[in-house]
């Protein structure tokens, strides 16, 4: 899979995804301090799933109607490196096929999916 990892999600998540041989673009390296709209636009152009802790991506998608290829929003009580990687691991182990074209909210213990507007994918 192809991911773009936002600065808020951290290098540990990006490095973990790379260790699984995913194609990972790290915002902090490739486009430091980029605007969320620019990150989302690049993700769409390159067919990447955004991994972030930033709720502003929800605003861009659901209020502004900006397109996306998939977003994983990490809403964690425990923001530690170990827990972030644990949640991403569980998400990939159980729901890999659900990630493209969906807005995914992953908490410490739950996962919710919302298809992008106009999508024919079922929840």
Protein backbone atom coordinates (compact mmCIF):
# COMPACT_ATOMS: atom_id res chain seq x y z
CA UNK A 1 0.00 0.00 0.00
CA UNK A 2 0.98 3.61 -0.42
CA UNK A 3 0.84 5.95 2.57
CA UNK A 4 1.63 9.56 3.36
CA UNK A 5 2.36 10.00 7.06
CA UNK A 6 1.59 13.43 8.48
CA UNK A 7 4.00 15.07 10.90
CA UNK A 8 1.48 14.58 13.71
CA UNK A 9 1.55 10.78 13.32
CA UNK A 10 5.32 10.64 13.74
CA UNK A 11 8.35 8.89 12.34
CA UNK A 12 7.72 5.71 14.32
CA UNK A 13 4.52 4.98 12.39
CA UNK A 14 6.21 5.80 9.08
CA UNK A 15 9.23 3.64 9.86
CA UNK A 16 6.99 0.78 10.94
CA UNK A 17 5.02 0.95 7.69
CA UNK A 18 8.27 1.02 5.73
CA UNK A 19 9.47 -2.05 7.64
CA UNK A 20 6.43 -3.86 6.20
CA UNK A 21 7.56 -2.82 2.70
CA UNK A 22 4.82 -0.26 2.18
CA UNK A 23 5.56 2.78 0.02
CA UNK A 24 5.66 5.60 2.59
CA UNK A 25 6.09 9.31 2.06
CA UNK A 26 6.85 11.22 5.26
CA UNK A 27 5.52 14.78 5.25
CA UNK A 28 8.28 15.99 7.59
CA UNK A 29 10.88 14.89 5.02
CA UNK A 30 9.17 15.50 1.69
CA UNK A 31 7.08 18.60 2.39
CA UNK A 32 7.81 19.96 5.89
CA UNK A 33 5.20 22.27 7.39
CA UNK A 34 2.91 21.73 4.38
CA UNK A 35 -0.68 22.86 4.56
CA UNK A 36 -3.19 20.04 5.17
CA UNK A 37 -4.88 20.78 1.83
CA UNK A 38 -1.57 20.36 0.04
CA UNK A 39 -0.90 17.08 1.84
CA UNK A 40 -4.33 15.78 0.89
CA UNK A 41 -3.94 16.90 -2.73
CA UNK A 42 -0.59 15.12 -3.02
CA UNK A 43 -2.07 11.99 -1.43
CA UNK A 44 -4.84 11.97 -4.04
CA UNK A 45 -2.41 12.55 -6.93
CA UNK A 46 -0.14 9.73 -5.75
CA UNK A 47 -2.99 7.46 -4.53
CA UNK A 48 -1.74 7.44 -0.94
CA UNK A 49 -3.64 6.90 2.29
CA UNK A 50 -3.05 9.72 4.77
CA UNK A 51 -2.07 8.69 8.31
CA UNK A 52 -2.59 11.52 10.79
CA UNK A 53 -3.59 12.62 14.28
CA UNK A 54 -4.98 15.89 12.89
CA UNK A 55 -8.78 16.25 12.93
CA UNK A 56 -8.56 19.04 10.36
CA UNK A 57 -8.49 16.39 7.62
CA UNK A 58 -12.08 15.54 8.54
CA UNK A 59 -13.03 19.17 8.03
CA UNK A 60 -11.37 19.20 4.62
CA UNK A 61 -13.12 16.03 3.50
CA UNK A 62 -16.59 16.33 4.99
CA UNK A 63 -17.13 20.08 5.14
CA UNK A 64 -15.03 21.33 2.24
CA UNK A 65 -15.56 18.29 0.02
CA UNK A 66 -11.87 17.81 -0.76
CA UNK A 67 -11.24 14.41 -2.38
CA UNK A 68 -9.09 11.73 -0.77
CA UNK A 69 -7.78 8.24 -1.44
CA UNK A 70 -8.17 7.21 2.21
CA UNK A 71 -7.45 8.71 5.60
CA UNK A 72 -6.52 7.05 8.88
CA UNK A 73 -7.17 9.38 11.78
CA UNK A 74 -5.50 8.21 14.99
CA UNK A 75 -7.55 9.39 18.00
CA UNK A 76 -5.55 7.86 20.82
CA UNK A 77 -5.64 8.37 24.58
CA UNK A 78 -2.11 6.99 24.74
CA UNK A 79 -0.09 8.92 22.15
CA UNK A 80 3.09 6.98 22.92
CA UNK A 81 5.15 5.46 20.11
CA UNK A 82 4.42 1.89 21.20
CA UNK A 83 0.66 2.43 21.23
CA UNK A 84 0.62 4.21 17.87
CA UNK A 85 2.44 1.29 16.27
CA UNK A 86 0.19 -1.21 18.09
CA UNK A 87 -2.96 0.46 16.74
CA UNK A 88 -1.59 0.65 13.18
CA UNK A 89 -0.56 -3.02 13.41
CA UNK A 90 -4.04 -4.08 14.53
CA UNK A 91 -5.63 -1.95 11.82
CA UNK A 92 -3.50 -3.46 9.07
CA UNK A 93 -3.94 -7.00 10.39
CA UNK A 94 -7.72 -6.78 10.42
CA UNK A 95 -8.83 -4.11 7.98
CA UNK A 96 -6.29 -3.61 5.18
CA UNK A 97 -8.89 -3.97 2.43
CA UNK A 98 -11.15 -1.40 4.15
CA UNK A 99 -8.61 1.43 4.19
CA UNK A 100 -8.64 2.75 0.59
CA UNK A 101 -11.32 5.35 -0.12
CA UNK A 102 -12.55 5.47 3.46
CA UNK A 103 -12.13 7.85 6.34
CA UNK A 104 -11.00 5.55 9.14
CA UNK A 105 -10.96 6.62 12.78
CA UNK A 106 -8.83 4.37 14.96
CA UNK A 107 -8.90 4.74 18.73
CA UNK A 108 -7.06 2.72 21.34
CA UNK A 109 -9.81 0.08 21.20
CA UNK A 110 -12.17 0.75 18.30
CA UNK A 111 -12.22 1.38 14.56
CA UNK A 112 -14.89 3.27 12.60
CA UNK A 113 -15.13 3.58 8.83
CA UNK A 114 -16.87 6.18 6.77
CA UNK A 115 -16.85 5.92 2.96
CA UNK A 116 -15.92 9.03 1.07
CA UNK A 117 -18.84 10.99 -0.35
CA UNK A 118 -20.13 9.44 -3.56
CA UNK A 119 -18.34 6.11 -2.93
CA UNK A 120 -20.06 2.83 -3.78
CA UNK A 121 -18.13 0.96 -1.07
CA UNK A 122 -20.23 -0.49 1.74
CA UNK A 123 -19.43 0.05 5.39
